[in-house]
N, C-alpha and C. Protein backbone atom coordinates (compact mmCIF):
# COMPACT_ATOMS: atom_id res chain seq x y z
N MET A 1 63.75 29.02 -37.29
CA MET A 1 62.43 28.97 -36.67
C MET A 1 61.73 30.30 -36.90
N LEU A 2 60.43 30.24 -37.05
CA LEU A 2 59.63 31.44 -37.22
C LEU A 2 59.62 32.26 -35.94
N ASN A 3 59.21 33.50 -36.08
CA ASN A 3 59.09 34.39 -34.93
C ASN A 3 58.04 33.83 -33.98
N ASN A 4 58.44 33.51 -32.77
CA ASN A 4 57.53 32.91 -31.78
C ASN A 4 56.93 33.94 -30.83
N ASN A 5 57.02 35.23 -31.18
CA ASN A 5 56.46 36.26 -30.30
C ASN A 5 54.96 36.11 -30.13
N PHE A 6 54.28 35.54 -31.12
CA PHE A 6 52.83 35.40 -31.05
C PHE A 6 52.42 33.94 -30.95
N ARG A 7 53.28 33.15 -30.39
CA ARG A 7 53.01 31.73 -30.21
C ARG A 7 53.29 31.34 -28.77
N ILE A 8 52.61 30.30 -28.34
CA ILE A 8 52.86 29.78 -27.00
C ILE A 8 53.36 28.34 -27.13
N PRO A 9 54.27 27.94 -26.26
CA PRO A 9 54.82 26.58 -26.38
C PRO A 9 53.96 25.55 -25.67
N LYS A 10 53.81 24.40 -26.31
CA LYS A 10 53.24 23.22 -25.67
C LYS A 10 54.39 22.25 -25.50
N PHE A 11 54.59 21.79 -24.28
CA PHE A 11 55.68 20.88 -23.98
C PHE A 11 55.17 19.46 -23.79
N SER A 12 55.96 18.51 -24.24
CA SER A 12 55.61 17.11 -24.02
C SER A 12 56.90 16.32 -23.87
N ILE A 13 56.88 15.33 -22.98
CA ILE A 13 58.06 14.50 -22.78
C ILE A 13 57.71 13.03 -23.05
N GLY A 14 58.73 12.29 -23.41
CA GLY A 14 58.60 10.85 -23.59
C GLY A 14 59.86 10.18 -23.09
N ILE A 15 59.74 8.93 -22.71
CA ILE A 15 60.89 8.16 -22.23
C ILE A 15 60.74 6.73 -22.70
N ASP A 16 61.86 6.07 -22.94
CA ASP A 16 61.83 4.66 -23.30
C ASP A 16 63.11 4.00 -22.80
N MET A 17 62.98 2.74 -22.43
CA MET A 17 64.12 1.94 -21.98
C MET A 17 63.97 0.55 -22.58
N GLU A 18 65.07 0.02 -23.10
CA GLU A 18 65.05 -1.30 -23.73
C GLU A 18 66.30 -2.08 -23.32
N LEU A 19 66.19 -3.40 -23.35
CA LEU A 19 67.35 -4.26 -23.12
C LEU A 19 68.17 -4.37 -24.40
N ILE A 20 69.47 -4.21 -24.27
CA ILE A 20 70.36 -4.26 -25.43
C ILE A 20 70.37 -5.65 -26.06
N GLU A 21 70.14 -6.69 -25.28
CA GLU A 21 70.18 -8.05 -25.82
C GLU A 21 69.16 -8.24 -26.95
N ARG A 22 68.06 -7.48 -26.94
CA ARG A 22 67.09 -7.56 -28.05
C ARG A 22 67.75 -7.20 -29.38
N PHE A 23 68.69 -6.26 -29.33
CA PHE A 23 69.33 -5.78 -30.55
C PHE A 23 70.58 -6.59 -30.90
N GLU A 24 71.09 -7.36 -29.93
CA GLU A 24 72.22 -8.24 -30.21
C GLU A 24 71.79 -9.39 -31.11
N LYS A 25 70.51 -9.73 -31.06
CA LYS A 25 70.00 -10.85 -31.85
C LYS A 25 69.73 -10.47 -33.30
N ILE A 26 69.74 -9.19 -33.59
CA ILE A 26 69.44 -8.72 -34.95
C ILE A 26 70.75 -8.57 -35.73
N SER A 27 70.82 -9.22 -36.85
CA SER A 27 71.98 -9.02 -37.73
C SER A 27 71.51 -8.30 -38.99
N LEU A 28 72.36 -7.53 -39.58
CA LEU A 28 72.01 -6.76 -40.77
C LEU A 28 71.55 -7.66 -41.90
N GLU A 29 72.19 -8.82 -42.08
CA GLU A 29 71.84 -9.71 -43.19
C GLU A 29 70.46 -10.33 -43.01
N SER A 30 70.16 -10.83 -41.84
CA SER A 30 68.92 -11.59 -41.66
C SER A 30 67.72 -10.72 -41.32
N HIS A 31 67.94 -9.51 -40.89
CA HIS A 31 66.82 -8.66 -40.48
C HIS A 31 66.87 -7.28 -41.14
N SER A 32 67.41 -7.20 -42.34
CA SER A 32 67.58 -5.89 -42.95
C SER A 32 66.25 -5.17 -43.15
N ASN A 33 65.18 -5.91 -43.48
CA ASN A 33 63.88 -5.26 -43.64
C ASN A 33 63.39 -4.67 -42.33
N LEU A 34 63.57 -5.41 -41.24
CA LEU A 34 63.19 -4.90 -39.92
C LEU A 34 63.98 -3.64 -39.58
N LEU A 35 65.29 -3.70 -39.77
CA LEU A 35 66.13 -2.55 -39.45
C LEU A 35 65.76 -1.33 -40.29
N ARG A 36 65.46 -1.55 -41.56
CA ARG A 36 65.13 -0.43 -42.45
C ARG A 36 63.74 0.16 -42.16
N ARG A 37 62.90 -0.57 -41.45
CA ARG A 37 61.61 -0.01 -41.04
C ARG A 37 61.75 0.85 -39.79
N ILE A 38 62.90 0.77 -39.14
CA ILE A 38 63.13 1.52 -37.91
C ILE A 38 64.17 2.62 -38.10
N PHE A 39 65.26 2.30 -38.81
CA PHE A 39 66.41 3.19 -38.90
C PHE A 39 66.64 3.69 -40.32
N THR A 40 67.22 4.89 -40.43
CA THR A 40 67.64 5.41 -41.74
C THR A 40 68.98 4.77 -42.10
N GLN A 41 69.36 4.90 -43.35
CA GLN A 41 70.64 4.36 -43.78
C GLN A 41 71.79 5.03 -43.04
N ASN A 42 71.69 6.34 -42.81
CA ASN A 42 72.73 7.05 -42.04
C ASN A 42 72.88 6.48 -40.64
N GLU A 43 71.76 6.18 -40.00
CA GLU A 43 71.80 5.60 -38.65
C GLU A 43 72.43 4.21 -38.68
N LEU A 44 72.05 3.40 -39.65
CA LEU A 44 72.62 2.05 -39.75
C LEU A 44 74.12 2.12 -40.00
N ASP A 45 74.54 3.01 -40.89
CA ASP A 45 75.98 3.16 -41.17
C ASP A 45 76.73 3.54 -39.90
N TYR A 46 76.18 4.48 -39.14
CA TYR A 46 76.84 4.91 -37.91
C TYR A 46 76.89 3.77 -36.89
N CYS A 47 75.77 3.12 -36.65
CA CYS A 47 75.70 2.06 -35.63
C CYS A 47 76.62 0.89 -35.97
N PHE A 48 76.63 0.48 -37.23
CA PHE A 48 77.46 -0.66 -37.61
C PHE A 48 78.93 -0.31 -37.79
N SER A 49 79.28 0.97 -37.63
CA SER A 49 80.69 1.36 -37.60
C SER A 49 81.26 1.22 -36.19
N LYS A 50 80.40 0.97 -35.22
CA LYS A 50 80.82 0.83 -33.83
C LYS A 50 81.22 -0.60 -33.51
N ILE A 51 82.04 -0.77 -32.48
CA ILE A 51 82.46 -2.10 -32.05
C ILE A 51 81.25 -2.92 -31.61
N ASP A 52 80.31 -2.28 -30.91
CA ASP A 52 79.10 -2.95 -30.45
C ASP A 52 77.88 -2.24 -31.04
N PRO A 53 77.47 -2.63 -32.25
CA PRO A 53 76.34 -1.95 -32.89
C PRO A 53 75.05 -2.04 -32.07
N ALA A 54 74.88 -3.10 -31.30
CA ALA A 54 73.64 -3.29 -30.55
C ALA A 54 73.38 -2.13 -29.58
N GLN A 55 74.42 -1.63 -28.92
CA GLN A 55 74.23 -0.51 -27.98
C GLN A 55 73.73 0.73 -28.72
N SER A 56 74.34 1.02 -29.86
CA SER A 56 73.94 2.20 -30.63
C SER A 56 72.54 2.04 -31.22
N LEU A 57 72.25 0.86 -31.75
CA LEU A 57 70.91 0.60 -32.28
C LEU A 57 69.85 0.74 -31.19
N CYS A 58 70.13 0.16 -30.04
CA CYS A 58 69.19 0.19 -28.93
C CYS A 58 68.96 1.63 -28.45
N GLY A 59 70.03 2.39 -28.30
CA GLY A 59 69.91 3.78 -27.87
C GLY A 59 69.10 4.62 -28.83
N ARG A 60 69.35 4.45 -30.11
CA ARG A 60 68.60 5.20 -31.12
C ARG A 60 67.13 4.77 -31.16
N PHE A 61 66.90 3.47 -31.00
CA PHE A 61 65.51 2.99 -30.94
C PHE A 61 64.79 3.65 -29.77
N CYS A 62 65.44 3.68 -28.61
CA CYS A 62 64.84 4.31 -27.42
C CYS A 62 64.53 5.79 -27.68
N ALA A 63 65.46 6.48 -28.33
CA ALA A 63 65.25 7.90 -28.62
C ALA A 63 64.04 8.09 -29.52
N LYS A 64 63.94 7.28 -30.57
CA LYS A 64 62.81 7.39 -31.49
C LYS A 64 61.50 7.07 -30.78
N GLU A 65 61.50 6.04 -29.96
CA GLU A 65 60.30 5.66 -29.22
C GLU A 65 59.89 6.78 -28.25
N ALA A 66 60.86 7.40 -27.58
CA ALA A 66 60.56 8.50 -26.66
C ALA A 66 59.97 9.69 -27.42
N ILE A 67 60.50 9.98 -28.60
CA ILE A 67 59.98 11.09 -29.42
C ILE A 67 58.55 10.79 -29.87
N ILE A 68 58.31 9.57 -30.31
CA ILE A 68 56.96 9.18 -30.74
C ILE A 68 55.97 9.31 -29.58
N LYS A 69 56.38 8.89 -28.39
CA LYS A 69 55.52 9.03 -27.21
C LYS A 69 55.23 10.50 -26.91
N ALA A 70 56.25 11.34 -27.01
CA ALA A 70 56.05 12.77 -26.75
C ALA A 70 55.10 13.38 -27.77
N PHE A 71 55.27 13.05 -29.04
CA PHE A 71 54.37 13.58 -30.07
C PHE A 71 52.94 13.10 -29.86
N SER A 72 52.77 11.87 -29.40
CA SER A 72 51.41 11.33 -29.26
C SER A 72 50.58 12.13 -28.25
N SER A 73 51.22 12.68 -27.24
CA SER A 73 50.46 13.45 -26.26
C SER A 73 50.19 14.88 -26.71
N LEU A 74 50.86 15.33 -27.77
CA LEU A 74 50.60 16.67 -28.30
C LEU A 74 49.40 16.69 -29.24
N ASP A 75 48.99 15.53 -29.72
CA ASP A 75 47.86 15.42 -30.65
C ASP A 75 48.04 16.30 -31.88
N GLN A 76 49.27 16.47 -32.31
CA GLN A 76 49.53 17.31 -33.48
C GLN A 76 49.59 16.50 -34.78
N THR A 77 50.23 15.37 -34.71
CA THR A 77 50.41 14.56 -35.90
C THR A 77 50.87 13.17 -35.50
N VAL A 78 50.74 12.25 -36.41
CA VAL A 78 51.27 10.90 -36.21
C VAL A 78 52.66 10.87 -36.80
N ILE A 79 53.60 10.36 -36.05
CA ILE A 79 54.99 10.30 -36.50
C ILE A 79 55.48 8.88 -36.34
N SER A 80 56.31 8.43 -37.26
CA SER A 80 56.79 7.05 -37.23
C SER A 80 58.31 7.01 -37.10
N PHE A 81 58.83 5.81 -36.92
CA PHE A 81 60.28 5.63 -36.75
C PHE A 81 61.08 6.24 -37.90
N THR A 82 60.62 6.02 -39.13
CA THR A 82 61.40 6.49 -40.28
C THR A 82 61.21 7.98 -40.56
N ASP A 83 60.33 8.65 -39.80
CA ASP A 83 60.20 10.10 -39.90
C ASP A 83 61.25 10.82 -39.06
N ILE A 84 61.97 10.07 -38.25
CA ILE A 84 62.93 10.62 -37.30
C ILE A 84 64.32 10.10 -37.64
N GLU A 85 65.31 10.98 -37.60
CA GLU A 85 66.70 10.54 -37.74
C GLU A 85 67.48 11.07 -36.55
N ILE A 86 68.23 10.18 -35.92
CA ILE A 86 69.08 10.55 -34.79
C ILE A 86 70.49 10.72 -35.32
N LEU A 87 70.99 11.94 -35.24
CA LEU A 87 72.32 12.27 -35.74
C LEU A 87 73.32 12.24 -34.60
N HIS A 88 74.55 11.92 -34.93
CA HIS A 88 75.65 12.00 -33.97
C HIS A 88 76.38 13.30 -34.21
N VAL A 89 76.37 14.18 -33.21
CA VAL A 89 77.05 15.46 -33.32
C VAL A 89 78.21 15.43 -32.33
N ASP A 90 79.44 15.46 -32.85
CA ASP A 90 80.62 15.35 -31.99
C ASP A 90 80.57 16.32 -30.82
N LYS A 91 80.79 15.79 -29.63
CA LYS A 91 80.90 16.54 -28.38
C LYS A 91 79.64 17.31 -28.00
N LYS A 92 78.57 17.16 -28.76
CA LYS A 92 77.32 17.85 -28.43
C LYS A 92 76.22 16.86 -28.10
N GLY A 93 76.49 15.59 -28.25
CA GLY A 93 75.47 14.59 -27.98
C GLY A 93 74.59 14.37 -29.20
N PRO A 94 73.62 13.49 -29.05
CA PRO A 94 72.75 13.17 -30.19
C PRO A 94 71.77 14.30 -30.49
N LYS A 95 71.37 14.35 -31.75
CA LYS A 95 70.40 15.35 -32.20
C LYS A 95 69.34 14.64 -33.02
N ALA A 96 68.09 14.98 -32.79
CA ALA A 96 66.98 14.38 -33.54
C ALA A 96 66.45 15.39 -34.54
N ILE A 97 66.20 14.90 -35.76
CA ILE A 97 65.57 15.73 -36.77
C ILE A 97 64.39 14.98 -37.37
N ILE A 98 63.41 15.72 -37.84
CA ILE A 98 62.25 15.15 -38.53
C ILE A 98 62.56 15.18 -40.02
N ILE A 99 62.46 14.02 -40.67
CA ILE A 99 62.82 13.94 -42.08
C ILE A 99 61.66 13.51 -42.97
N GLY A 100 60.50 13.24 -42.39
CA GLY A 100 59.36 12.79 -43.18
C GLY A 100 58.93 13.84 -44.19
N LYS A 101 58.77 13.45 -45.44
CA LYS A 101 58.41 14.38 -46.50
C LYS A 101 56.97 14.88 -46.38
N GLN A 102 56.14 14.19 -45.62
CA GLN A 102 54.74 14.58 -45.51
C GLN A 102 54.52 15.78 -44.58
N PHE A 103 55.56 16.22 -43.88
CA PHE A 103 55.40 17.31 -42.93
C PHE A 103 55.64 18.65 -43.61
N SER A 104 54.75 19.59 -43.33
CA SER A 104 54.85 20.92 -43.94
C SER A 104 56.00 21.71 -43.31
N THR A 105 56.45 22.71 -44.04
CA THR A 105 57.48 23.60 -43.52
C THR A 105 56.98 24.31 -42.27
N ASP A 106 55.70 24.68 -42.28
CA ASP A 106 55.11 25.34 -41.11
C ASP A 106 55.20 24.44 -39.88
N PHE A 107 54.84 23.17 -40.05
CA PHE A 107 54.92 22.22 -38.93
C PHE A 107 56.36 22.09 -38.44
N LEU A 108 57.30 21.90 -39.35
CA LEU A 108 58.70 21.72 -38.97
C LEU A 108 59.26 22.96 -38.28
N ASP A 109 58.81 24.14 -38.69
CA ASP A 109 59.27 25.38 -38.05
C ASP A 109 58.73 25.53 -36.63
N ARG A 110 57.67 24.83 -36.31
CA ARG A 110 57.05 24.95 -34.99
C ARG A 110 57.56 23.92 -33.97
N VAL A 111 58.38 22.99 -34.42
CA VAL A 111 58.80 21.87 -33.57
C VAL A 111 60.26 22.00 -33.15
N GLU A 112 60.52 21.77 -31.87
CA GLU A 112 61.88 21.64 -31.35
C GLU A 112 61.95 20.32 -30.59
N ILE A 113 63.04 19.58 -30.78
CA ILE A 113 63.21 18.29 -30.11
C ILE A 113 64.56 18.27 -29.41
N LYS A 114 64.55 17.90 -28.15
CA LYS A 114 65.79 17.69 -27.38
C LYS A 114 65.77 16.27 -26.87
N ILE A 115 66.90 15.57 -27.01
CA ILE A 115 66.97 14.18 -26.54
C ILE A 115 68.24 13.95 -25.74
N SER A 116 68.17 12.91 -24.92
CA SER A 116 69.32 12.41 -24.20
C SER A 116 69.27 10.89 -24.30
N ILE A 117 70.43 10.28 -24.55
CA ILE A 117 70.53 8.82 -24.65
C ILE A 117 71.63 8.36 -23.71
N SER A 118 71.36 7.27 -22.97
CA SER A 118 72.37 6.69 -22.10
C SER A 118 72.22 5.17 -22.12
N HIS A 119 73.31 4.48 -21.81
CA HIS A 119 73.21 3.02 -21.75
C HIS A 119 74.24 2.44 -20.79
N THR A 120 73.91 1.25 -20.31
CA THR A 120 74.85 0.42 -19.57
C THR A 120 75.16 -0.76 -20.48
N ALA A 121 75.82 -1.76 -19.97
CA ALA A 121 76.08 -2.96 -20.76
C ALA A 121 74.79 -3.74 -21.03
N GLN A 122 73.78 -3.53 -20.19
CA GLN A 122 72.54 -4.30 -20.31
C GLN A 122 71.37 -3.56 -20.95
N ALA A 123 71.29 -2.25 -20.77
CA ALA A 123 70.09 -1.53 -21.20
C ALA A 123 70.44 -0.14 -21.71
N ALA A 124 69.54 0.39 -22.52
CA ALA A 124 69.64 1.77 -22.99
C ALA A 124 68.36 2.49 -22.60
N VAL A 125 68.50 3.80 -22.42
CA VAL A 125 67.35 4.63 -22.05
C VAL A 125 67.48 5.96 -22.79
N SER A 126 66.36 6.54 -23.11
CA SER A 126 66.36 7.87 -23.73
C SER A 126 65.14 8.63 -23.26
N ASN A 127 65.32 9.94 -23.14
CA ASN A 127 64.17 10.80 -22.92
C ASN A 127 64.14 11.85 -24.02
N ALA A 128 62.96 12.37 -24.27
CA ALA A 128 62.78 13.36 -25.32
C ALA A 128 61.86 14.46 -24.81
N LEU A 129 62.23 15.68 -25.13
CA LEU A 129 61.39 16.84 -24.87
C LEU A 129 61.01 17.40 -26.24
N VAL A 130 59.72 17.49 -26.50
CA VAL A 130 59.23 18.08 -27.74
C VAL A 130 58.49 19.36 -27.38
N VAL A 131 58.87 20.43 -28.06
CA VAL A 131 58.19 21.72 -27.89
C VAL A 131 57.49 22.03 -29.21
N TYR A 132 56.19 22.26 -29.13
CA TYR A 132 55.41 22.64 -30.31
C TYR A 132 54.87 24.04 -30.07
N TRP A 133 55.21 24.96 -30.96
CA TRP A 133 54.80 26.36 -30.82
C TRP A 133 53.43 26.56 -31.47
N CYS A 134 52.43 26.85 -30.64
CA CYS A 134 51.04 27.00 -31.10
C CYS A 134 50.71 28.48 -31.30
N ASP A 135 49.82 28.74 -32.26
CA ASP A 135 49.32 30.10 -32.43
C ASP A 135 48.48 30.48 -31.22
N MET A 136 48.54 31.74 -30.85
CA MET A 136 47.74 32.22 -29.72
C MET A 136 46.30 32.37 -30.12
C-alpha cells in the first residue's frame, strides 16, 4: 500500500444474507454459465471440493454482494462479481481481492477489504468493510 500519511480513509460497509437452498438447485453442468458469471474458476474449484458446495457457493456469493454494496456507497467505481475473488486462507478466514483488469494500480493501492462469512444449515451471511484512502 502507498504511504497513507497524506490520505484520509473513507469507510463503507455492506451486508448480505441468502438462503442456501437457492444454491442447492444449481449444478455445475446445467448452470455453468450462471456460475461463471458470479465465481472465478478458483472459487468454483474450492467450493466443489467441499462435501456441500452449496454452503460455500452461498457464502462466497454473500461476500461478493456485501463488497459490491460497500463499494456502491463509496461512489468510487462500479465493481462486479467477477472483479472479486474470495480466497480461502487456512486458519485466517476468507480474504477478498480485486482481480478486475480495468482497475488501476493507484486504485488498488487505495483499497482495503475485510470480510466475514458465516452460515447455518439454512442460510449464509457475510459482511464487508471497504476502506478507500482518499487524497487530502
